[in-house]
Amino acid sequence: MNQPAGANLPEYSVSEISAAVKRVVEDNFGYVRVRGEISGYRGPHSSGHAYFTLKDERARMDAVVWKTTFQRLRFKPQEGLEVIATGKLTTFPGSSKYQIVIDALEPAGAGALMALIEERRKKLAGEGLFDEARKKALPYLPRIIGVVTSPTGAVIRDILHRLADRCPARVIVWPVRVQGETSAAEVTAAIEGFNRMTGPSRPDVLIVARGGGSLEDLWSFNEESVVRAAAASLIPLISAIGHETDFTLIDFAADRRAPTPTAAAEMAVPVRAELIASVDSLGARHLGAIARRIERDRKELRGAARALPQPESLFAIPRRTFDELASRLGRGLIANARVHRVQFERAAARLSVAGIAQMVTRCRERAGVLADRAYKAVERRLERKRAQLDSVARALPLVSYRDILARGFAVVRAGGVPVRSVSAVPPGTRLDIELHDGHVGATADGTAGRKKAPGGSQGSLF
């Protein structure tokens, strides 16, 4: 019986084949650099990993960037960008596919970088971040200058030296890395941090600077986060990145672009010596203008004074008029008195006997009315007094001592004065004793009257 071809070949499971292929791929292509165009990139997955495809004219390859690697990538994946990916080839047994696990990613040459910059520039320009209308004017004489740069490079020394030569000002340096993976984040944080400052330490102008370098070295200043922070800065910002021929996207968003860091310092402050000379010149011109104005006013005053008449001539006519009026015043008063006397005499002549009688009648009638009103007022007053007297008379018996005498008491008087104490009655004093029905005379003997009656009361006086 014939056996099928290959019946003596060893038998493998699918997993064994997949594992064998995985070993072959990883052993032979453990670490490679692959050039291709990014396709199918939709941003990081919810897990933080990024999945896309690398392709050229004839083939495609799956690619993955794990979350931890994606966070430190200097260049992030972007759809349509030609890149060079460095990583390890491996297989994915679940779908019999191979893929590259990327550890590093970089644009494929300067042309790719320039294309990425141009695309990003168009995008940000479309949002209005580069509009001239939104750019702010630089302060003429800033008190404080904030500088975002490396604290150890030659850039900060050049800026400080130039500021000291032109016009010394307080400088606050926010140290950052000007290239590398964390550079863009640090520059963004520095710009935003300066803008959040308040109080007297807040800078009046910012300078973002670094020295020259390759396109890759300056890439941090092309990142969207840096450009957006520069555009949103409320403090006027000067960009000074690289040399005069170097351009980055922050240059478009900044309020002013300086070709070098030294030029940025020159833009930030005026020349102190020139400023002093300008102030002196303006002061001299001001004093000259004041002197000329005073001289012109003095000449005008002298001309006006010459045109004015003498004081004597000014008062001559009023003084003469016053004298004439004073001399006429006495005669006028006499004439006026005569006129009024004549008028008075004429009025008196017009008064007749009948008129006088009529006036007397009216006065008599008026007097009668007043007399009647006075009589009635007196009657009313007498009536009120009569009622008050009757009220007092009715109350008099209530306070009279005679009612007390009727109850057996007596009033003793000596010399017409009521006796109030035994000591006031010496012996031999003539006394008048008033009872309720009359008076009795008596003489004090000086004995019985000074004895106390039983119970502490006084006895009789005789």
Protein backbone atom coordinates (compact mmCIF):
# COMPACT_ATOMS: atom_id res chain seq x y z
CA MET A 1 0.00 0.00 0.00
CA ASN A 2 1.40 3.36 -1.03
CA GLN A 3 1.84 5.93 1.78
CA PRO A 4 1.07 9.62 1.11
CA ALA A 5 4.01 11.87 0.35
CA GLY A 6 5.62 13.31 3.44
CA ALA A 7 4.01 10.85 5.76
CA ASN A 8 7.33 10.40 7.54
CA LEU A 9 7.66 14.21 8.31
CA PRO A 10 7.36 15.23 11.94
CA GLU A 11 4.06 16.67 13.08
CA TYR A 12 3.81 20.14 14.76
CA SER A 13 0.97 21.91 16.48
CA VAL A 14 -0.03 25.45 15.44
CA SER A 15 1.39 26.81 18.68
CA GLU A 16 4.69 25.05 18.08
CA ILE A 17 4.95 26.51 14.61
CA SER A 18 4.07 30.01 15.91
CA ALA A 19 6.64 29.75 18.67
CA ALA A 20 9.28 28.55 16.22
CA VAL A 21 8.57 31.40 13.84
CA LYS A 22 8.68 33.86 16.74
CA ARG A 23 12.13 32.56 17.74
CA VAL A 24 13.43 32.79 14.19
CA VAL A 25 12.16 36.35 13.73
CA GLU A 26 13.38 37.63 17.08
CA ASP A 27 16.77 35.87 16.80
CA ASN A 28 17.48 37.18 13.31
CA PHE A 29 15.84 40.62 13.60
CA GLY A 30 16.18 41.32 17.30
CA TYR A 31 16.86 45.07 16.94
CA VAL A 32 16.31 46.89 13.64
CA ARG A 33 15.78 50.36 12.11
CA VAL A 34 12.84 50.47 9.71
CA ARG A 35 12.01 53.36 7.40
CA GLY A 36 8.43 53.87 6.32
CA GLU A 37 5.36 56.08 6.27
CA ILE A 38 2.96 56.09 9.24
CA SER A 39 -0.52 54.96 8.22
CA GLY A 40 -3.72 54.36 10.16
CA TYR A 41 -2.62 56.36 13.22
CA ARG A 42 -5.57 57.56 15.32
CA GLY A 43 -3.75 58.67 18.46
CA PRO A 44 -2.99 56.70 21.60
CA HIS A 45 -5.40 53.92 22.58
CA SER A 46 -7.38 54.25 25.82
CA SER A 47 -4.76 51.97 27.35
CA GLY A 48 -2.05 54.49 26.47
CA HIS A 49 -0.47 52.28 23.80
CA ALA A 50 -0.27 53.45 20.18
CA TYR A 51 -0.99 51.17 17.20
CA PHE A 52 -0.39 51.99 13.53
CA THR A 53 1.20 50.68 10.33
CA LEU A 54 4.53 51.39 8.61
CA LYS A 55 4.36 51.13 4.83
CA ASP A 56 6.30 51.77 1.65
CA GLU A 57 5.44 51.28 -2.01
CA ARG A 58 5.25 47.48 -1.80
CA ALA A 59 4.67 46.31 1.79
CA ARG A 60 3.13 47.08 5.17
CA MET A 61 4.19 46.28 8.72
CA ASP A 62 2.24 46.57 11.96
CA ALA A 63 3.81 48.70 14.66
CA VAL A 64 3.13 49.28 18.34
CA VAL A 65 4.48 51.78 20.85
CA TRP A 66 3.91 50.83 24.45
CA LYS A 67 2.57 53.47 26.87
CA THR A 68 5.81 54.02 28.79
CA THR A 69 7.77 54.43 25.54
CA PHE A 70 5.14 56.72 24.00
CA GLN A 71 5.39 59.18 26.91
CA ARG A 72 9.13 59.73 26.37
CA LEU A 73 9.12 59.85 22.57
CA ARG A 74 10.72 63.04 21.31
CA PHE A 75 8.69 62.87 18.10
CA LYS A 76 5.13 61.64 18.40
CA PRO A 77 3.62 59.57 15.59
CA GLN A 78 1.67 61.56 13.03
CA GLU A 79 -0.40 60.29 10.11
CA GLY A 80 1.47 60.43 6.81
CA LEU A 81 4.86 61.26 8.37
CA GLU A 82 7.86 59.33 7.00
CA VAL A 83 9.88 58.10 9.95
CA ILE A 84 12.69 55.85 10.96
CA ALA A 85 11.50 53.47 13.68
CA THR A 86 13.99 51.70 15.90
CA GLY A 87 12.80 48.60 17.76
CA LYS A 88 12.48 44.85 17.93
CA LEU A 89 10.61 42.59 15.50
CA THR A 90 8.30 40.03 17.00
CA THR A 91 5.27 37.99 16.00
CA PHE A 92 1.72 38.01 17.21
CA PRO A 93 0.60 34.36 17.31
CA GLY A 94 -3.06 35.23 17.66
CA SER A 95 -3.26 36.36 14.03
CA SER A 96 -0.07 34.94 12.49
CA LYS A 97 1.34 38.48 12.04
CA TYR A 98 4.65 40.06 12.78
CA GLN A 99 5.13 43.58 14.08
CA ILE A 100 7.77 45.97 15.29
CA VAL A 101 7.76 47.11 18.89
CA ILE A 102 9.14 50.65 18.62
CA ASP A 103 11.60 52.05 21.16
CA ALA A 104 12.57 55.23 19.30
CA LEU A 105 11.03 57.26 16.51
CA GLU A 106 12.51 60.03 14.38
CA PRO A 107 11.52 61.75 11.14
CA ALA A 108 13.22 60.36 8.05
CA GLY A 109 15.54 63.28 7.28
CA ALA A 110 15.22 67.06 7.36
CA GLY A 111 12.64 67.00 4.58
CA ALA A 112 10.22 65.09 6.76
CA LEU A 113 10.82 67.49 9.65
CA MET A 114 10.23 70.50 7.44
CA ALA A 115 7.03 68.97 6.11
CA LEU A 116 5.85 68.34 9.66
CA ILE A 117 6.72 71.91 10.69
CA GLU A 118 4.89 73.35 7.68
CA GLU A 119 1.80 71.28 8.33
CA ARG A 120 1.80 72.28 11.98
CA ARG A 121 2.37 75.94 11.06
CA LYS A 122 -0.66 75.95 8.76
CA LYS A 123 -2.79 74.35 11.45
CA LEU A 124 -1.83 76.86 14.15
CA ALA A 125 -2.05 79.80 11.74
CA GLY A 126 -5.57 78.72 10.86
CA GLU A 127 -6.44 79.02 14.54
CA GLY A 128 -5.22 82.65 14.54
CA LEU A 129 -2.24 82.09 16.85
CA PHE A 130 0.11 83.97 14.51
CA ASP A 131 -2.13 86.98 13.73
CA GLU A 132 -0.41 90.33 13.95
CA ALA A 133 -3.49 91.87 15.58
CA ARG A 134 -3.03 89.80 18.73
CA LYS A 135 0.66 90.68 19.21
CA LYS A 136 1.43 92.97 22.15
CA ALA A 137 3.80 95.93 22.20
CA LEU A 138 6.96 95.64 24.28
CA PRO A 139 7.26 97.92 27.34
CA TYR A 140 9.68 100.78 26.74
CA LEU A 141 11.52 100.51 30.07
CA PRO A 142 10.77 97.20 31.85
CA ARG A 143 11.54 96.89 35.55
CA ILE A 144 11.81 93.08 35.55
CA ILE A 145 12.76 90.75 32.67
CA GLY A 146 11.93 87.05 32.80
CA VAL A 147 14.29 84.74 30.86
CA VAL A 148 13.44 81.14 29.93
CA THR A 149 16.68 79.35 29.03
CA SER A 150 19.37 77.00 30.29
CA PRO A 151 21.07 78.47 33.38
CA THR A 152 24.49 77.03 32.45
CA GLY A 153 24.88 77.98 28.78
CA ALA A 154 26.48 80.98 27.14
CA VAL A 155 23.03 82.36 26.24
CA ILE A 156 22.16 83.62 29.70
CA ARG A 157 25.62 85.18 30.13
CA ASP A 158 25.26 87.02 26.81
CA ILE A 159 21.82 88.33 27.80
CA LEU A 160 22.94 89.51 31.24
CA HIS A 161 26.07 91.13 29.83
CA ARG A 162 24.11 92.98 27.15
CA LEU A 163 21.48 94.17 29.62
CA ALA A 164 24.20 95.47 31.95
CA ASP A 165 25.79 97.42 29.07
CA ARG A 166 22.56 98.97 27.81
CA CYS A 167 20.27 99.51 30.79
CA PRO A 168 20.56 97.39 33.97
CA ALA A 169 17.30 95.73 34.99
CA ARG A 170 16.27 92.98 37.38
CA VAL A 171 16.38 89.55 35.67
CA ILE A 172 14.53 86.42 36.81
CA VAL A 173 15.78 83.21 35.15
CA TRP A 174 13.48 80.18 34.88
CA PRO A 175 15.90 77.30 34.24
CA VAL A 176 14.85 74.75 31.60
CA ARG A 177 16.40 72.17 29.31
CA VAL A 178 16.55 73.64 25.81
CA GLN A 179 16.67 70.26 24.04
CA GLY A 180 15.80 66.68 24.80
CA GLU A 181 12.68 64.72 25.68
CA THR A 182 11.48 66.98 28.55
CA SER A 183 12.49 70.29 27.00
CA ALA A 184 9.12 71.23 25.47
CA ALA A 185 7.25 70.49 28.69
CA GLU A 186 9.70 72.53 30.76
CA VAL A 187 9.58 75.55 28.42
CA THR A 188 5.77 75.42 28.39
CA ALA A 189 5.67 75.26 32.20
CA ALA A 190 8.10 78.21 32.47
CA ILE A 191 6.04 80.51 30.21
CA GLU A 192 2.83 79.60 32.01
CA GLY A 193 4.53 79.94 35.40
CA PHE A 194 5.73 83.48 34.67
CA ASN A 195 2.20 84.44 33.60
CA ARG A 196 0.73 83.08 36.84
CA MET A 197 3.03 85.26 38.95
CA THR A 198 1.46 88.24 40.73
CA GLY A 199 2.72 91.16 42.73
CA PRO A 200 5.87 93.24 42.31
CA SER A 201 7.97 90.26 41.10
CA ARG A 202 5.90 89.68 37.96
CA PRO A 203 8.07 90.31 34.85
CA ASP A 204 7.18 93.07 32.39
CA VAL A 205 8.61 91.17 29.41
CA LEU A 206 9.75 87.57 28.71
CA ILE A 207 12.68 86.29 26.65
CA VAL A 208 12.68 82.63 25.50
CA ALA A 209 16.19 81.88 24.23
CA ARG A 210 18.69 79.19 23.27
CA GLY A 211 21.78 79.04 21.12
CA GLY A 212 22.12 77.64 17.65
CA GLY A 213 21.83 73.97 16.67
CA SER A 214 20.42 71.54 14.16
CA LEU A 215 16.77 71.27 13.28
CA GLU A 216 16.49 68.33 15.65
CA ASP A 217 18.18 70.31 18.45
CA LEU A 218 15.68 73.15 18.09
CA TRP A 219 12.68 70.85 17.77
CA SER A 220 11.32 71.58 21.27
CA PHE A 221 10.41 75.08 20.12
CA ASN A 222 8.28 73.64 17.30
CA GLU A 223 6.08 71.66 19.68
CA GLU A 224 2.43 72.71 19.88
CA SER A 225 2.46 73.09 23.67
CA VAL A 226 5.32 75.62 23.51
CA VAL A 227 3.74 77.57 20.65
CA ARG A 228 0.34 77.72 22.35
CA ALA A 229 1.88 78.86 25.65
CA ALA A 230 3.74 81.66 23.84
CA ALA A 231 0.59 82.75 22.01
CA ALA A 232 -1.46 82.75 25.23
CA SER A 233 1.13 84.69 27.26
CA LEU A 234 -0.28 87.90 28.71
CA ILE A 235 3.27 89.17 29.24
CA PRO A 236 4.92 90.42 26.01
CA LEU A 237 7.29 87.70 24.78
CA ILE A 238 10.46 87.83 22.68
CA SER A 239 11.69 84.62 21.02
CA ALA A 240 15.43 84.23 20.43
CA ILE A 241 15.96 80.67 19.23
CA GLY A 242 19.15 79.74 17.38
CA HIS A 243 20.93 81.97 14.90
CA GLU A 244 19.51 84.55 12.54
CA THR A 245 18.74 81.96 9.83
CA ASP A 246 17.00 79.54 12.22
CA PHE A 247 13.21 79.71 12.39
CA THR A 248 10.95 77.81 14.76
CA LEU A 249 7.20 77.95 15.26
CA ILE A 250 7.52 79.90 18.52
CA ASP A 251 8.94 82.77 16.43
CA PHE A 252 5.55 83.12 14.71
CA ALA A 253 3.61 83.11 18.00
CA ALA A 254 5.93 85.48 19.90
CA ASP A 255 5.20 89.20 20.05
CA ARG A 256 8.71 89.90 18.72
CA ARG A 257 11.34 87.65 17.13
CA ALA A 258 15.03 88.36 17.78
CA PRO A 259 17.72 86.85 15.50
CA THR A 260 19.95 86.10 18.51
CA PRO A 261 19.69 86.12 22.32
CA THR A 262 21.89 89.22 22.42
CA ALA A 263 19.52 90.99 20.03
CA ALA A 264 16.63 89.99 22.30
CA ALA A 265 18.30 91.81 25.19
CA GLU A 266 18.72 94.88 22.98
CA MET A 267 15.01 94.75 22.08
CA ALA A 268 13.97 94.45 25.73
CA VAL A 269 15.63 97.64 27.03
CA PRO A 270 16.79 100.97 25.59
CA VAL A 271 20.36 102.26 25.86
CA ARG A 272 20.65 103.95 29.24
CA ALA A 273 23.17 106.52 28.02
CA GLU A 274 20.99 107.41 25.06
CA LEU A 275 17.97 107.60 27.36
CA ILE A 276 19.78 109.99 29.71
CA ALA A 277 20.95 112.09 26.77
CA SER A 278 17.43 112.17 25.37
CA VAL A 279 16.02 113.24 28.75
CA ASP A 280 18.68 115.94 29.07
CA SER A 281 17.94 117.16 25.56
CA LEU A 282 14.22 117.25 26.24
CA GLY A 283 14.85 119.05 29.54
CA ALA A 284 16.98 121.68 27.81
CA ARG A 285 14.36 122.14 25.10
CA HIS A 286 11.69 122.43 27.76
CA LEU A 287 13.61 125.11 29.66
CA GLY A 288 14.31 126.99 26.41
CA ALA A 289 10.63 126.86 25.47
CA ILE A 290 9.67 128.20 28.91
CA ALA A 291 12.23 131.03 28.65
CA ARG A 292 10.96 131.97 25.19
CA ARG A 293 7.38 131.92 26.39
CA ILE A 294 8.20 134.14 29.36
CA GLU A 295 10.04 136.62 27.13
CA ARG A 296 7.15 136.69 24.65
CA ASP A 297 4.64 137.25 27.44
CA ARG A 298 6.85 139.99 28.90
CA LYS A 299 6.93 141.83 25.57
CA GLU A 300 3.17 141.49 25.18
CA LEU A 301 2.68 142.82 28.72
CA ARG A 302 4.90 145.83 28.04
CA GLY A 303 3.02 146.60 24.83
CA ALA A 304 -0.31 146.33 26.62
CA ALA A 305 0.98 148.57 29.43
CA ARG A 306 2.02 151.25 26.94
CA ALA A 307 -1.41 151.14 25.34
CA LEU A 308 -3.18 151.74 28.68
CA PRO A 309 -3.97 155.40 29.67
CA GLN A 310 -2.53 156.97 32.84
CA PRO A 311 -4.46 156.44 36.10
CA GLU A 312 -5.11 160.21 36.46
CA SER A 313 -6.73 160.36 33.06
CA LEU A 314 -8.80 157.25 33.84
CA PHE A 315 -10.27 158.86 37.00
CA ALA A 316 -10.52 162.46 35.76
CA ILE A 317 -13.97 162.20 34.17
CA PRO A 318 -15.55 160.11 36.99
CA ARG A 319 -14.10 162.51 39.59
CA ARG A 320 -15.54 165.58 37.78
CA THR A 321 -18.90 163.87 37.41
CA PHE A 322 -18.91 163.06 41.12
CA ASP A 323 -18.14 166.65 42.06
CA GLU A 324 -20.94 167.99 39.87
CA LEU A 325 -23.44 165.54 41.28
CA ALA A 326 -22.36 166.38 44.86
CA SER A 327 -22.89 170.11 44.26
CA ARG A 328 -26.32 169.46 42.76
CA LEU A 329 -27.38 167.11 45.55
CA GLY A 330 -28.08 169.84 48.17
CA ARG A 331 -30.21 171.90 45.80
CA GLY A 332 -32.05 168.78 44.71
CA LEU A 333 -32.90 167.82 48.29
CA ILE A 334 -34.27 171.30 49.03
CA ALA A 335 -36.34 171.27 45.86
CA ASN A 336 -37.66 167.82 46.63
CA ALA A 337 -38.69 168.88 50.14
CA ARG A 338 -40.56 171.90 48.72
CA VAL A 339 -42.42 169.73 46.25
CA HIS A 340 -43.51 167.32 48.99
CA ARG A 341 -44.55 170.17 51.26
CA VAL A 342 -46.80 171.57 48.55
CA GLN A 343 -48.31 168.17 47.98
CA PHE A 344 -48.91 167.75 51.69
CA GLU A 345 -50.60 171.14 52.00
CA ARG A 346 -52.83 170.37 49.06
CA ALA A 347 -53.85 167.09 50.61
CA ALA A 348 -54.59 168.79 53.94
CA ALA A 349 -56.74 171.37 52.20
CA ARG A 350 -58.79 168.67 50.61
CA LEU A 351 -59.75 167.32 54.04
CA SER A 352 -63.25 168.76 54.95
CA VAL A 353 -65.24 168.97 58.19
CA ALA A 354 -67.53 166.25 56.89
CA GLY A 355 -64.58 164.02 56.36
CA ILE A 356 -63.35 164.64 59.88
CA ALA A 357 -66.83 163.91 61.31
CA GLN A 358 -67.05 160.70 59.34
CA MET A 359 -63.63 159.68 60.66
CA VAL A 360 -64.77 160.44 64.25
CA THR A 361 -67.89 158.35 63.74
CA ARG A 362 -65.87 155.41 62.53
CA CYS A 363 -63.50 155.76 65.48
CA ARG A 364 -66.51 155.91 67.90
CA GLU A 365 -67.98 152.77 66.37
CA ARG A 366 -64.65 151.04 66.62
CA ALA A 367 -64.29 152.16 70.24
CA GLY A 368 -67.80 150.86 71.05
CA VAL A 369 -66.97 147.46 69.56
CA LEU A 370 -63.75 147.31 71.53
CA ALA A 371 -65.49 148.42 74.77
CA ASP A 372 -68.16 145.75 74.34
CA ARG A 373 -65.49 143.10 73.78
CA ALA A 374 -63.59 144.36 76.86
CA TYR A 375 -66.76 144.30 79.05
CA LYS A 376 -67.52 140.74 78.01
CA ALA A 377 -63.93 139.71 78.67
CA VAL A 378 -64.09 141.26 82.19
CA GLU A 379 -67.42 139.51 82.88
CA ARG A 380 -65.93 136.18 81.89
CA ARG A 381 -62.86 136.80 84.07
CA LEU A 382 -65.04 137.78 87.10
CA GLU A 383 -67.19 134.70 86.62
CA ARG A 384 -64.09 132.46 86.69
CA LYS A 385 -62.76 134.20 89.85
CA ARG A 386 -66.19 133.97 91.55
CA ALA A 387 -66.27 130.22 90.88
CA GLN A 388 -62.74 129.83 92.28
CA LEU A 389 -63.70 131.82 95.43
CA ASP A 390 -66.80 129.71 96.03
CA SER A 391 -64.65 126.59 95.76
CA VAL A 392 -62.21 127.94 98.34
CA ALA A 393 -65.06 128.98 100.68
CA ARG A 394 -66.53 125.48 100.55
CA ALA A 395 -63.15 123.99 101.45
CA LEU A 396 -62.43 126.50 104.29
CA PRO A 397 -64.47 124.78 107.04
CA LEU A 398 -62.53 121.61 106.36
CA VAL A 399 -59.24 123.24 107.42
CA SER A 400 -60.63 125.70 110.13
CA TYR A 401 -59.32 125.22 113.74
CA ARG A 402 -62.70 126.19 115.18
CA ASP A 403 -64.07 122.74 114.50
CA ILE A 404 -61.20 121.43 116.61
CA LEU A 405 -62.13 123.84 119.46
CA ALA A 406 -65.66 122.46 119.39
CA ARG A 407 -64.24 119.03 120.34
CA GLY A 408 -62.85 120.40 123.68
CA PHE A 409 -59.52 121.90 122.71
CA ALA A 410 -58.34 125.47 123.33
CA VAL A 411 -55.88 127.93 121.77
CA VAL A 412 -53.53 129.65 124.25
CA ARG A 413 -52.02 132.94 123.19
CA ALA A 414 -49.46 135.14 124.86
CA GLY A 415 -49.33 138.63 123.52
CA GLY A 416 -51.61 137.62 120.65
CA VAL A 417 -49.19 134.88 119.56
CA PRO A 418 -50.14 131.19 119.96
CA VAL A 419 -48.05 129.46 122.64
CA ARG A 420 -46.25 126.41 121.24
CA SER A 421 -44.05 125.40 124.23
CA VAL A 422 -44.14 125.59 128.07
CA SER A 423 -40.63 127.06 128.03
CA ALA A 424 -41.98 130.04 126.11
CA VAL A 425 -44.27 131.07 129.05
CA PRO A 426 -42.38 132.62 132.00
CA PRO A 427 -44.29 133.05 135.33
CA GLY A 428 -46.66 135.96 135.44
CA THR A 429 -47.35 135.98 131.71
CA ARG A 430 -50.85 137.13 130.76
CA LEU A 431 -52.55 134.49 128.68
CA ASP A 432 -55.60 134.49 126.44
CA ILE A 433 -57.40 131.16 126.23
CA GLU A 434 -59.78 130.77 123.28
CA LEU A 435 -62.54 128.15 123.58
CA HIS A 436 -65.19 127.28 121.04
CA ASP A 437 -67.64 129.70 122.60
CA GLY A 438 -65.35 132.57 123.71
CA HIS A 439 -62.12 133.73 125.40
CA VAL A 440 -60.87 133.42 129.02
CA GLY A 441 -58.01 135.45 130.52
CA ALA A 442 -55.39 133.80 132.79
CA THR A 443 -51.98 134.33 134.38
CA ALA A 444 -49.20 131.72 134.35
CA ASP A 445 -47.94 130.84 137.87
CA GLY A 446 -44.88 128.93 136.76
CA THR A 447 -45.51 125.75 138.84
CA ALA A 448 -48.25 123.45 137.60
CA GLY A 449 -47.47 124.29 133.99
CA ARG A 450 -44.02 122.60 134.12
CA LYS A 451 -45.14 119.25 135.48
CA LYS A 452 -45.65 116.42 133.10
CA ALA A 453 -49.05 114.88 133.10
CA PRO A 454 -49.38 111.09 133.45
CA GLY A 455 -48.56 109.30 130.19
CA GLY A 456 -45.98 111.89 129.17
CA SER A 457 -48.45 114.65 128.05
CA GLN A 458 -48.27 118.29 129.23
CA GLY A 459 -50.70 119.52 131.96
CA SER A 460 -52.52 122.86 132.03
CA LEU A 461 -50.68 126.13 132.38
CA PHE A 462 -52.60 127.44 135.45
